[in-house]
Every structure is written in C-alpha cells, then in structure tokens.
C-alpha atoms as a PDB file:
ATOM      1  CA  MET A   1     -40.125-100.334  27.494  1.00  0.00           C
ATOM      2  CA  LEU A   2     -39.560-100.947  31.210  1.00  0.00           C
ATOM      3  CA  PRO A   3     -39.239-104.613  32.241  1.00  0.00           C
ATOM      4  CA  PHE A   4     -41.585-104.177  35.236  1.00  0.00           C
ATOM      5  CA  ALA A   5     -44.188-101.636  36.348  1.00  0.00           C
ATOM      6  CA  ARG A   6     -44.617-102.663  40.009  1.00  0.00           C
ATOM      7  CA  VAL A   7     -41.666-103.894  42.061  1.00  0.00           C
ATOM      8  CA  THR A   8     -41.838-105.238  45.614  1.00  0.00           C
ATOM      9  CA  ILE A   9     -38.712-105.369  47.764  1.00  0.00           C
ATOM     10  CA  ILE A  10     -38.780-107.739  50.748  1.00  0.00           C
ATOM     11  CA  GLY A  11     -36.018-106.706  53.146  1.00  0.00           C
ATOM     12  CA  LEU A  12     -34.982-103.049  53.328  1.00  0.00           C
ATOM     13  CA  GLY A  13     -31.347-103.272  54.363  1.00  0.00           C
ATOM     14  CA  LEU A  14     -28.342-102.093  52.349  1.00  0.00           C
ATOM     15  CA  ILE A  15     -29.188-103.966  49.134  1.00  0.00           C
ATOM     16  CA  GLY A  16     -32.962-103.597  49.330  1.00  0.00           C
ATOM     17  CA  SER A  17     -32.796 -99.872  50.049  1.00  0.00           C
ATOM     18  CA  SER A  18     -30.218 -99.393  47.284  1.00  0.00           C
ATOM     19  CA  ILE A  19     -32.541-101.134  44.820  1.00  0.00           C
ATOM     20  CA  ALA A  20     -35.403 -98.871  45.908  1.00  0.00           C
ATOM     21  CA  ARG A  21     -33.252 -95.780  45.435  1.00  0.00           C
ATOM     22  CA  GLY A  22     -31.948 -97.085  42.108  1.00  0.00           C
ATOM     23  CA  VAL A  23     -35.444 -97.707  40.775  1.00  0.00           C
ATOM     24  CA  ARG A  24     -36.492 -94.211  41.821  1.00  0.00           C
ATOM     25  CA  GLN A  25     -33.495 -92.710  40.020  1.00  0.00           C
ATOM     26  CA  HIS A  26     -33.411 -94.820  36.854  1.00  0.00           C
ATOM     27  CA  MET A  27     -37.046 -95.938  36.475  1.00  0.00           C
ATOM     28  CA  PRO A  28     -39.094 -93.201  38.176  1.00  0.00           C
ATOM     29  CA  SER A  29     -42.424 -94.383  36.732  1.00  0.00           C
ATOM     30  CA  VAL A  30     -42.086 -97.809  38.417  1.00  0.00           C
ATOM     31  CA  ARG A  31     -44.074 -98.164  41.650  1.00  0.00           C
ATOM     32  CA  VAL A  32     -41.966 -99.530  44.511  1.00  0.00           C
ATOM     33  CA  THR A  33     -43.488-101.307  47.503  1.00  0.00           C
ATOM     34  CA  GLY A  34     -41.300-102.303  50.427  1.00  0.00           C
ATOM     35  CA  TYR A  35     -41.609-104.615  53.397  1.00  0.00           C
ATOM     36  CA  ASP A  36     -39.314-105.564  56.254  1.00  0.00           C
ATOM     37  CA  ALA A  37     -40.076-107.893  59.165  1.00  0.00           C
ATOM     38  CA  ASP A  38     -38.575-105.360  61.588  1.00  0.00           C
ATOM     39  CA  PRO A  39     -41.146-102.672  62.500  1.00  0.00           C
ATOM     40  CA  SER A  40     -38.394-100.133  63.244  1.00  0.00           C
ATOM     41  CA  VAL A  41     -36.971-100.623  59.758  1.00  0.00           C
ATOM     42  CA  ARG A  42     -40.421-100.073  58.263  1.00  0.00           C
ATOM     43  CA  GLU A  43     -40.772 -96.881  60.299  1.00  0.00           C
ATOM     44  CA  THR A  44     -37.401 -95.637  59.072  1.00  0.00           C
ATOM     45  CA  ALA A  45     -38.251 -96.506  55.466  1.00  0.00           C
ATOM     46  CA  MET A  46     -41.442 -94.471  55.720  1.00  0.00           C
ATOM     47  CA  ALA A  47     -39.674 -91.580  57.428  1.00  0.00           C
ATOM     48  CA  ILE A  48     -37.075 -91.273  54.657  1.00  0.00           C
ATOM     49  CA  ASP A  49     -39.647 -91.858  51.880  1.00  0.00           C
ATOM     50  CA  LEU A  50     -37.726 -94.878  50.607  1.00  0.00           C
ATOM     51  CA  CYS A  51     -40.652 -96.467  48.742  1.00  0.00           C
ATOM     52  CA  ASP A  52     -43.993 -95.424  47.308  1.00  0.00           C
ATOM     53  CA  ASP A  53     -45.587 -97.680  49.912  1.00  0.00           C
ATOM     54  CA  VAL A  54     -44.311 -99.653  52.903  1.00  0.00           C
ATOM     55  CA  ALA A  55     -46.568-102.625  53.667  1.00  0.00           C
ATOM     56  CA  ASP A  56     -47.156-104.096  57.104  1.00  0.00           C
ATOM     57  CA  SER A  57     -46.997-107.714  55.916  1.00  0.00           C
ATOM     58  CA  ALA A  58     -45.228-109.683  53.202  1.00  0.00           C
ATOM     59  CA  GLY A  59     -48.551-110.793  51.705  1.00  0.00           C
ATOM     60  CA  THR A  60     -49.848-107.249  51.391  1.00  0.00           C
ATOM     61  CA  ALA A  61     -46.548-106.157  49.839  1.00  0.00           C
ATOM     62  CA  VAL A  62     -46.710-108.599  46.912  1.00  0.00           C
ATOM     63  CA  ILE A  63     -50.415-108.498  46.134  1.00  0.00           C
ATOM     64  CA  ASP A  64     -50.111-106.553  42.845  1.00  0.00           C
ATOM     65  CA  ALA A  65     -46.387-106.992  42.090  1.00  0.00           C
ATOM     66  CA  ASP A  66     -44.813-107.769  38.714  1.00  0.00           C
ATOM     67  CA  LEU A  67     -41.446-108.448  40.329  1.00  0.00           C
ATOM     68  CA  VAL A  68     -40.737-109.503  43.925  1.00  0.00           C
ATOM     69  CA  ILE A  69     -37.116-109.300  45.090  1.00  0.00           C
ATOM     70  CA  LEU A  70     -36.072-111.164  48.231  1.00  0.00           C
ATOM     71  CA  CYS A  71     -33.397-109.086  49.982  1.00  0.00           C
ATOM     72  CA  VAL A  72     -33.128-111.141  53.173  1.00  0.00           C
ATOM     73  CA  PRO A  73     -30.372-113.441  54.518  1.00  0.00           C
ATOM     74  CA  VAL A  74     -30.138-116.604  52.427  1.00  0.00           C
ATOM     75  CA  GLY A  75     -31.131-118.764  55.381  1.00  0.00           C
ATOM     76  CA  ALA A  76     -34.463-116.935  55.608  1.00  0.00           C
ATOM     77  CA  MET A  77     -35.429-117.034  51.913  1.00  0.00           C
ATOM     78  CA  GLY A  78     -37.731-120.056  52.109  1.00  0.00           C
ATOM     79  CA  ALA A  79     -39.582-118.926  55.224  1.00  0.00           C
ATOM     80  CA  VAL A  80     -40.109-115.419  53.858  1.00  0.00           C
ATOM     81  CA  ALA A  81     -41.335-116.771  50.516  1.00  0.00           C
ATOM     82  CA  ALA A  82     -43.833-118.966  52.370  1.00  0.00           C
ATOM     83  CA  GLU A  83     -45.240-115.866  54.097  1.00  0.00           C
ATOM     84  CA  PHE A  84     -46.528-114.410  50.819  1.00  0.00           C
ATOM     85  CA  ALA A  85     -47.142-117.598  48.837  1.00  0.00           C
ATOM     86  CA  SER A  86     -50.950-117.322  48.933  1.00  0.00           C
ATOM     87  CA  ASP A  87     -50.906-113.644  47.877  1.00  0.00           C
ATOM     88  CA  LEU A  88     -48.406-113.821  45.013  1.00  0.00           C
ATOM     89  CA  PRO A  89     -49.923-113.040  41.584  1.00  0.00           C
ATOM     90  CA  SER A  90     -49.639-115.995  39.220  1.00  0.00           C
ATOM     91  CA  ASP A  91     -47.792-113.942  36.585  1.00  0.00           C
ATOM     92  CA  ALA A  92     -45.292-112.306  38.969  1.00  0.00           C
ATOM     93  CA  ILE A  93     -41.586-113.067  38.752  1.00  0.00           C
ATOM     94  CA  VAL A  94     -39.722-113.714  42.003  1.00  0.00           C
ATOM     95  CA  SER A  95     -36.002-112.996  42.303  1.00  0.00           C
ATOM     96  CA  ASP A  96     -33.446-112.535  45.064  1.00  0.00           C
ATOM     97  CA  VAL A  97     -30.030-111.013  45.786  1.00  0.00           C
ATOM     98  CA  GLY A  98     -28.371-113.829  47.770  1.00  0.00           C
ATOM     99  CA  SER A  99     -24.720-114.749  47.302  1.00  0.00           C
ATOM    100  CA  SER A 100     -25.379-118.496  47.330  1.00  0.00           C
ATOM    101  CA  LYS A 101     -27.786-120.058  44.876  1.00  0.00           C
ATOM    102  CA  GLU A 102     -28.356-123.815  45.026  1.00  0.00           C
ATOM    103  CA  SER A 103     -29.751-123.805  48.565  1.00  0.00           C
ATOM    104  CA  VAL A 104     -31.863-120.699  47.869  1.00  0.00           C
ATOM    105  CA  ILE A 105     -33.386-122.225  44.735  1.00  0.00           C
ATOM    106  CA  GLU A 106     -34.301-125.362  46.700  1.00  0.00           C
ATOM    107  CA  ALA A 107     -35.873-123.371  49.556  1.00  0.00           C
ATOM    108  CA  VAL A 108     -37.843-120.939  47.385  1.00  0.00           C
ATOM    109  CA  ARG A 109     -39.096-123.675  45.054  1.00  0.00           C
ATOM    110  CA  ALA A 110     -40.395-125.592  48.080  1.00  0.00           C
ATOM    111  CA  ALA A 111     -42.288-122.507  49.271  1.00  0.00           C
ATOM    112  CA  LEU A 112     -43.423-121.333  45.810  1.00  0.00           C
ATOM    113  CA  PRO A 113     -43.650-124.449  43.621  1.00  0.00           C
ATOM    114  CA  LEU A 114     -45.682-122.746  40.874  1.00  0.00           C
ATOM    115  CA  ALA A 115     -43.888-119.394  40.805  1.00  0.00           C
ATOM    116  CA  THR A 116     -41.418-118.167  38.199  1.00  0.00           C
ATOM    117  CA  PHE A 117     -38.185-117.825  40.176  1.00  0.00           C
ATOM    118  CA  ILE A 118     -35.165-116.196  38.501  1.00  0.00           C
ATOM    119  CA  PRO A 119     -32.372-115.802  41.079  1.00  0.00           C
ATOM    120  CA  ALA A 120     -29.800-113.026  40.811  1.00  0.00           C
ATOM    121  CA  HIS A 121     -26.768-111.848  42.743  1.00  0.00           C
ATOM    122  CA  PRO A 122     -25.539-108.249  42.531  1.00  0.00           C
ATOM    123  CA  VAL A 123     -21.839-108.427  43.401  1.00  0.00           C
ATOM    124  CA  ALA A 124     -21.783-105.149  45.286  1.00  0.00           C
ATOM    125  CA  GLY A 125     -22.038-103.960  48.840  1.00  0.00           C
ATOM    126  CA  THR A 126     -20.431-102.205  51.772  1.00  0.00           C
ATOM    127  CA  GLU A 127     -19.878-103.123  55.409  1.00  0.00           C
ATOM    128  CA  ASN A 128     -22.834-100.940  56.396  1.00  0.00           C
ATOM    129  CA  SER A 129     -26.418-102.136  56.808  1.00  0.00           C
ATOM    130  CA  GLY A 130     -29.935-100.826  57.282  1.00  0.00           C
ATOM    131  CA  PRO A 131     -32.317 -98.721  55.185  1.00  0.00           C
ATOM    132  CA  THR A 132     -30.263 -95.544  55.524  1.00  0.00           C
ATOM    133  CA  ALA A 133     -27.086 -97.264  54.267  1.00  0.00           C
ATOM    134  CA  GLY A 134     -28.286 -97.730  50.676  1.00  0.00           C
ATOM    135  CA  PHE A 135     -27.500 -95.504  47.714  1.00  0.00           C
ATOM    136  CA  ALA A 136     -28.695 -95.506  44.108  1.00  0.00           C
ATOM    137  CA  SER A 137     -25.248 -95.865  42.547  1.00  0.00           C
ATOM    138  CA  LEU A 138     -24.276 -99.013  44.486  1.00  0.00           C
ATOM    139  CA  PHE A 139     -24.728-101.229  41.393  1.00  0.00           C
ATOM    140  CA  HIS A 140     -23.193 -98.886  38.821  1.00  0.00           C
ATOM    141  CA  HIS A 141     -20.502-100.718  36.806  1.00  0.00           C
ATOM    142  CA  ARG A 142     -20.741-103.737  39.098  1.00  0.00           C
ATOM    143  CA  TRP A 143     -21.614-107.250  38.015  1.00  0.00           C
ATOM    144  CA  CYS A 144     -24.992-108.808  38.641  1.00  0.00           C
ATOM    145  CA  ILE A 145     -24.980-112.569  38.094  1.00  0.00           C
ATOM    146  CA  VAL A 146     -28.339-113.995  37.000  1.00  0.00           C
ATOM    147  CA  THR A 147     -28.568-117.731  37.761  1.00  0.00           C
ATOM    148  CA  PRO A 148     -31.725-119.193  36.187  1.00  0.00           C
ATOM    149  CA  PRO A 149     -32.530-122.796  37.097  1.00  0.00           C
ATOM    150  CA  GLU A 150     -32.639-125.297  34.257  1.00  0.00           C
ATOM    151  CA  GLY A 151     -35.760-124.874  32.132  1.00  0.00           C
ATOM    152  CA  SER A 152     -36.392-121.242  33.073  1.00  0.00           C
ATOM    153  CA  ASP A 153     -38.443-119.043  30.750  1.00  0.00           C
ATOM    154  CA  PRO A 154     -35.957-117.062  28.580  1.00  0.00           C
ATOM    155  CA  LEU A 155     -38.252-114.016  28.551  1.00  0.00           C
ATOM    156  CA  ALA A 156     -38.366-113.968  32.365  1.00  0.00           C
ATOM    157  CA  VAL A 157     -34.574-114.250  32.491  1.00  0.00           C
ATOM    158  CA  GLU A 158     -34.234-111.325  30.090  1.00  0.00           C
ATOM    159  CA  ARG A 159     -36.691-109.164  32.042  1.00  0.00           C
ATOM    160  CA  VAL A 160     -34.739-109.681  35.277  1.00  0.00           C
ATOM    161  CA  SER A 161     -31.467-109.058  33.427  1.00  0.00           C
ATOM    162  CA  GLU A 162     -32.798-105.837  31.903  1.00  0.00           C
ATOM    163  CA  PHE A 163     -33.988-104.674  35.322  1.00  0.00           C
ATOM    164  CA  TRP A 164     -30.425-104.900  36.630  1.00  0.00           C
ATOM    165  CA  ARG A 165     -28.997-103.253  33.539  1.00  0.00           C
ATOM    166  CA  ARG A 166     -31.383-100.323  34.159  1.00  0.00           C
ATOM    167  CA  LEU A 167     -29.868-100.034  37.662  1.00  0.00           C
ATOM    168  CA  GLY A 168     -26.440 -99.606  36.079  1.00  0.00           C
ATOM    169  CA  ALA A 169     -25.126-103.142  36.528  1.00  0.00           C
ATOM    170  CA  MET A 170     -23.286-105.334  34.053  1.00  0.00           C
ATOM    171  CA  VAL A 171     -25.139-108.635  33.754  1.00  0.00           C
ATOM    172  CA  GLU A 172     -23.716-112.134  33.417  1.00  0.00           C
ATOM    173  CA  THR A 173     -25.753-115.354  33.263  1.00  0.00           C
ATOM    174  CA  MET A 174     -24.312-118.332  35.119  1.00  0.00           C
ATOM    175  CA  GLU A 175     -25.393-121.831  36.125  1.00  0.00           C
ATOM    176  CA  PRO A 176     -26.253-121.874  39.866  1.00  0.00           C
ATOM    177  CA  THR A 177     -23.735-124.544  40.912  1.00  0.00           C
ATOM    178  CA  HIS A 178     -20.916-122.799  39.053  1.00  0.00           C
ATOM    179  CA  HIS A 179     -21.914-119.483  40.644  1.00  0.00           C
ATOM    180  CA  ASP A 180     -21.596-120.988  44.125  1.00  0.00           C
ATOM    181  CA  ARG A 181     -18.069-122.256  43.423  1.00  0.00           C
ATOM    182  CA  VAL A 182     -16.939-118.960  41.887  1.00  0.00           C
ATOM    183  CA  LEU A 183     -18.305-116.927  44.797  1.00  0.00           C
ATOM    184  CA  ALA A 184     -16.841-119.332  47.335  1.00  0.00           C
ATOM    185  CA  VAL A 185     -13.333-118.294  46.255  1.00  0.00           C
ATOM    186  CA  THR A 186     -13.933-114.638  45.279  1.00  0.00           C
ATOM    187  CA  SER A 187     -16.195-113.598  48.173  1.00  0.00           C
ATOM    188  CA  HIS A 188     -16.961-116.218  50.804  1.00  0.00           C
ATOM    189  CA  LEU A 189     -13.400-117.427  51.504  1.00  0.00           C
ATOM    190  CA  PRO A 190     -11.993-113.856  51.752  1.00  0.00           C
ATOM    191  CA  HIS A 191     -14.688-113.004  54.300  1.00  0.00           C
ATOM    192  CA  LEU A 192     -13.904-116.151  56.273  1.00  0.00           C
ATOM    193  CA  ILE A 193     -10.198-115.248  56.287  1.00  0.00           C
ATOM    194  CA  ALA A 194     -10.968-111.674  57.353  1.00  0.00           C
ATOM    195  CA  TYR A 195     -13.160-112.817  60.239  1.00  0.00           C
ATOM    196  CA  THR A 196     -10.408-115.210  61.325  1.00  0.00           C
ATOM    197  CA  ILE A 197      -7.531-112.714  61.157  1.00  0.00           C
ATOM    198  CA  VAL A 198      -9.416-110.006  63.025  1.00  0.00           C
ATOM    199  CA  GLY A 199     -10.584-112.549  65.597  1.00  0.00           C
ATOM    200  CA  THR A 200      -7.038-113.875  66.068  1.00  0.00           C
ATOM    201  CA  ALA A 201      -5.673-110.365  66.608  1.00  0.00           C
ATOM    202  CA  SER A 202      -8.315-109.629  69.234  1.00  0.00           C
ATOM    203  CA  ASP A 203      -7.553-112.907  71.031  1.00  0.00           C
ATOM    204  CA  LEU A 204      -3.788-112.467  71.313  1.00  0.00           C
ATOM    205  CA  GLU A 205      -3.073-111.757  74.978  1.00  0.00           C
ATOM    206  CA  GLU A 206       0.354-110.251  74.277  1.00  0.00           C
ATOM    207  CA  VAL A 207      -1.173-107.604  71.976  1.00  0.00           C
ATOM    208  CA  THR A 208      -3.618-105.333  73.756  1.00  0.00           C
ATOM    209  CA  GLN A 209      -6.798-104.202  72.085  1.00  0.00           C
ATOM    210  CA  SER A 210      -5.600-100.615  72.092  1.00  0.00           C
ATOM    211  CA  GLU A 211      -2.471-101.607  70.168  1.00  0.00           C
ATOM    212  CA  VAL A 212      -4.499-103.534  67.582  1.00  0.00           C
ATOM    213  CA  ILE A 213      -6.647-100.475  66.968  1.00  0.00           C
ATOM    214  CA  LYS A 214      -3.776 -97.953  67.229  1.00  0.00           C
ATOM    215  CA  TYR A 215      -1.561 -99.679  64.670  1.00  0.00           C
ATOM    216  CA  SER A 216      -4.267-100.815  62.266  1.00  0.00           C
ATOM    217  CA  ALA A 217      -2.674 -99.479  59.107  1.00  0.00           C
ATOM    218  CA  GLY A 218      -2.546-101.141  55.723  1.00  0.00           C
ATOM    219  CA  GLY A 219      -3.705-104.726  55.379  1.00  0.00           C
ATOM    220  CA  PHE A 220      -5.206-105.300  58.822  1.00  0.00           C
ATOM    221  CA  ARG A 221      -7.336-102.164  58.541  1.00  0.00           C
ATOM    222  CA  ASP A 222      -8.807-103.437  55.268  1.00  0.00           C
ATOM    223  CA  PHE A 223      -9.512-106.842  56.796  1.00  0.00           C
ATOM    224  CA  THR A 224     -11.506-105.105  59.545  1.00  0.00           C
ATOM    225  CA  ARG A 225     -13.713-103.468  56.915  1.00  0.00           C
ATOM    226  CA  ILE A 226     -14.633-106.876  55.500  1.00  0.00           C
ATOM    227  CA  ALA A 227     -15.024-108.370  58.979  1.00  0.00           C
ATOM    228  CA  ALA A 228     -17.533-105.641  59.875  1.00  0.00           C
ATOM    229  CA  SER A 229     -20.081-107.076  57.415  1.00  0.00           C
ATOM    230  CA  ASP A 230     -23.500-108.180  58.607  1.00  0.00           C
ATOM    231  CA  PRO A 231     -23.036-111.261  60.866  1.00  0.00           C
ATOM    232  CA  THR A 232     -26.464-112.786  60.209  1.00  0.00           C
ATOM    233  CA  MET A 233     -26.038-112.586  56.447  1.00  0.00           C
ATOM    234  CA  TRP A 234     -22.577-114.139  56.471  1.00  0.00           C
ATOM    235  CA  ARG A 235     -23.473-116.873  58.949  1.00  0.00           C
ATOM    236  CA  ASP A 236     -26.220-117.949  56.538  1.00  0.00           C
ATOM    237  CA  VAL A 237     -23.949-117.664  53.496  1.00  0.00           C
ATOM    238  CA  PHE A 238     -21.351-120.028  54.940  1.00  0.00           C
ATOM    239  CA  LEU A 239     -23.962-122.568  56.025  1.00  0.00           C
ATOM    240  CA  SER A 240     -25.932-122.439  52.774  1.00  0.00           C
ATOM    241  CA  ASN A 241     -22.857-122.751  50.549  1.00  0.00           C
ATOM    242  CA  ARG A 242     -20.945-125.058  52.858  1.00  0.00           C
ATOM    243  CA  GLU A 243     -19.786-127.622  50.270  1.00  0.00           C
ATOM    244  CA  ALA A 244     -18.173-125.073  47.954  1.00  0.00           C
ATOM    245  CA  VAL A 245     -16.740-123.082  50.877  1.00  0.00           C
ATOM    246  CA  LEU A 246     -15.226-126.191  52.488  1.00  0.00           C
ATOM    247  CA  ASP A 247     -13.764-127.262  49.130  1.00  0.00           C
ATOM    248  CA  MET A 248     -12.102-123.872  48.610  1.00  0.00           C
ATOM    249  CA  LEU A 249     -11.007-123.712  52.250  1.00  0.00           C
ATOM    250  CA  GLN A 250      -9.230-127.062  51.855  1.00  0.00           C
ATOM    251  CA  ARG A 251      -7.425-125.784  48.767  1.00  0.00           C
ATOM    252  CA  PHE A 252      -6.477-122.583  50.594  1.00  0.00           C
ATOM    253  CA  THR A 253      -5.192-124.595  53.578  1.00  0.00           C
ATOM    254  CA  GLU A 254      -2.936-126.621  51.263  1.00  0.00           C
ATOM    255  CA  ASP A 255      -1.601-123.467  49.604  1.00  0.00           C
ATOM    256  CA  LEU A 256      -1.032-121.845  53.001  1.00  0.00           C
ATOM    257  CA  THR A 257       0.949-124.876  54.157  1.00  0.00           C
ATOM    258  CA  ALA A 258       3.139-124.631  51.049  1.00  0.00           C
ATOM    259  CA  LEU A 259       3.708-120.942  51.778  1.00  0.00           C
ATOM    260  CA  GLN A 260       4.622-121.768  55.368  1.00  0.00           C
ATOM    261  CA  ARG A 261       7.253-124.243  54.118  1.00  0.00           C
ATOM    262  CA  ALA A 262       8.677-121.676  51.691  1.00  0.00           C
ATOM    263  CA  ILE A 263       9.129-119.145  54.490  1.00  0.00           C
ATOM    264  CA  ARG A 264      10.594-121.728  56.889  1.00  0.00           C
ATOM    265  CA  TRP A 265      13.162-122.951  54.367  1.00  0.00           C
ATOM    266  CA  GLY A 266      14.033-119.535  52.982  1.00  0.00           C
ATOM    267  CA  LYS A 267      12.715-120.159  49.457  1.00  0.00           C
ATOM    268  CA  GLY A 268      12.795-116.527  48.329  1.00  0.00           C
ATOM    269  CA  ASP A 269      12.324-117.295  44.625  1.00  0.00           C
ATOM    270  CA  GLU A 270       9.145-119.250  45.358  1.00  0.00           C
ATOM    271  CA  LEU A 271       7.750-116.390  47.429  1.00  0.00           C
ATOM    272  CA  PHE A 272       8.675-113.810  44.781  1.00  0.00           C
ATOM    273  CA  ASP A 273       6.968-115.822  42.018  1.00  0.00           C
ATOM    274  CA  LEU A 274       3.756-116.097  44.058  1.00  0.00           C
ATOM    275  CA  PHE A 275       3.698-112.397  44.913  1.00  0.00           C
ATOM    276  CA  SER A 276       4.335-111.490  41.269  1.00  0.00           C
ATOM    277  CA  ARG A 277       1.367-113.590  40.123  1.00  0.00           C
ATOM    278  CA  THR A 278      -0.947-112.102  42.719  1.00  0.00           C
ATOM    279  CA  ARG A 279       0.160-108.569  41.833  1.00  0.00           C
ATOM    280  CA  ALA A 280      -0.826-109.227  38.226  1.00  0.00           C
ATOM    281  CA  ILE A 281      -4.309-110.290  39.359  1.00  0.00           C
ATOM    282  CA  ARG A 282      -4.674-107.010  41.261  1.00  0.00           C
ATOM    283  CA  ARG A 283      -3.772-105.070  38.122  1.00  0.00           C
ATOM    284  CA  SER A 284      -6.371-107.015  36.137  1.00  0.00           C
ATOM    285  CA  ILE A 285      -9.092-106.097  38.649  1.00  0.00           C
ATOM    286  CA  ILE A 286      -8.193-102.418  38.288  1.00  0.00           C
ATOM    287  CA  ASP A 287      -8.046-102.677  34.479  1.00  0.00           C
ATOM    288  CA  GLN A 288     -11.596-104.063  34.465  1.00  0.00           C
ATOM    289  CA  GLY A 289     -12.832-101.112  36.536  1.00  0.00           C
ATOM    290  CA  GLN A 290     -13.682-103.194  39.607  1.00  0.00           C
ATOM    291  CA  ASP A 291     -11.571-101.141  42.023  1.00  0.00           C
ATOM    292  CA  ASP A 292      -9.735 -97.863  42.438  1.00  0.00           C
ATOM    293  CA  ALA A 293      -6.174 -97.528  41.147  1.00  0.00           C
ATOM    294  CA  ARG A 294      -5.425 -94.382  43.151  1.00  0.00           C
ATOM    295  CA  PRO A 295      -2.878 -94.605  45.984  1.00  0.00           C
ATOM    296  CA  ASP A 296      -4.256 -96.167  49.177  1.00  0.00           C
ATOM    297  CA  PHE A 297      -7.494 -97.148  47.359  1.00  0.00           C
ATOM    298  CA  GLY A 298      -8.452 -93.502  46.887  1.00  0.00           C
ATOM    299  CA  ARG A 299      -8.760 -92.833  50.616  1.00  0.00           C
ATOM    300  CA  SER A 300      -8.736 -89.264  51.773  1.00  0.00           C
ATOM    301  CA  HIS A 301      -6.209 -88.457  54.499  1.00  0.00           C
ATOM    302  CA  GLU A 302      -7.311 -84.876  55.140  1.00  0.00           C
END
C-alpha cells in the first residue's frame, strides 16, 4: 500500500523536481501537485509536464494533500508554511528536505502549530538548480535522514520513511540536534571550505583568472563543483545551523594550525599518518557505495 495518495511539492528546484520525477517513476498512481513562488519556474514546470497540476498559490497547492514537502531554502521554511497554513488539511503530514533541522522545526512549528511535521533530509544533490535539473534517480542508494521531533506520531514517521524508500533512498532516523552536528562536518564545513578556496584563488592578484581556469585540474576543479552550489540555499544553511557550523569550524581551524606546524617543522611522519587515515576514510565511502571507485571519479575524458 502506498504511504500517500496526493503529494504536494512546494519549491520546484533540483530536489523538488527530482521528487516529482521520482514519484512519477516509482509511484505512478500518486497525484503530484507542485508550486513555486517564481512564475517562470511554474511556467517551466508546466511546459515539461513535471507535475499533474501546478498551482498558482501555496494555499491552492495544499488544499487536498496527504503529504506536503517543503523544498525551499531553510531560511524561507517558516514564511512559506505560513502562506498555506489556513488551507492545510488537518490530517496532512508536512515534511521538508532542508539540511539543517533545529531552526526549521522551530520556524515551521510557529507557522503550523497544529500540523504533523516530520522533517527529512535527503543527502543527495548536484551543483545544478531549477526544475529542469532534477532526475528521478537522484535519491537511488542515497541516505535520507528522517528527524522527527520528540513526541512525533510513529505512524507518521513510518509513512514519511516509506515514501523515501519508495524513491530509492536508504532511510535513517536521527534526533534533530545530532543531525545538525553530523551535517555540519560532513556537508556544511566542506562547502564553506570550497567557497573559501575558490574565492581565495580568484582574489590572488599574482594568479590571473585565466590561469586559475586553465590549470584547474584535480582538487581545485572538484572544489569549484561544490562552490557552484545554489548561493541562496547555502547562505541560509550556514545561518540556520550557525552553532554547529561554528563549532566544527573551530575544530577544523585547530587541526589546520597543527598541520601548518607539521609542514613548517618538517614532520613528515605526522603528515604521512594523517594522510593514511584520511585515505582509509575515502575507501570506506567507496565500500559503502556512496561514491565511484573508478579512476578520476568515473569522469569521461573523450
């Protein structure tokens, strides 16, 4: 039995459009309604037949929904939820896809105090955005972390979890605060580092922009992929998860200082031990099927 019959997706960017495509592929009998605040996005969604229906307001979009998924930047979650609060069916479940949880739970609860809210975070994505960037297989063999607030209805949690399993994801349940700390080190800090490195390279007067682009092989090229991610989304992520991000950034700064000392004083053994440990972590990620083991990450050079 399908967990939901009528799904509404608010926000039709990469994740929202991928959910719509995934539902169409894996749960074709489920009716999908979409809404996006940007009229041009709504026009594109209609042109590519992304959803069964594209509404012209958030309230209209949710009026008969079983499940409403907020696929908007985390800083906008509360305001968007408030837009449809008076039209939300009393038995509907509201969820989201944000990569920070404590601040989102607080904002959505303030806007929808009586609603059943079961947050979730699919740990998947690309640097691309917009309704044409999505694809049905985005969540296949990727983790989706469901983060129910304390006291949540177990049946509602299971329905949201089963929805993501139907989209091909592996589901883990996690306490919201713990989720925010885990993601601060596995996702948010790497993005912050990527933005910084790419920004530093572009600011160096002795290295021209053409040289940065021309010689962008290996590590720097991969940093630019991360740094090309949606700026609005990541601005909101850092501000909404600031405590965990600042905590992890302090730890990283201390480790970076230790690495700087090791290089300055020629401590080769210390460097080798660190690089050996980090290489083992890379192998573990590949062993768990979370990345490609082929040379150069499976890139084609034809």
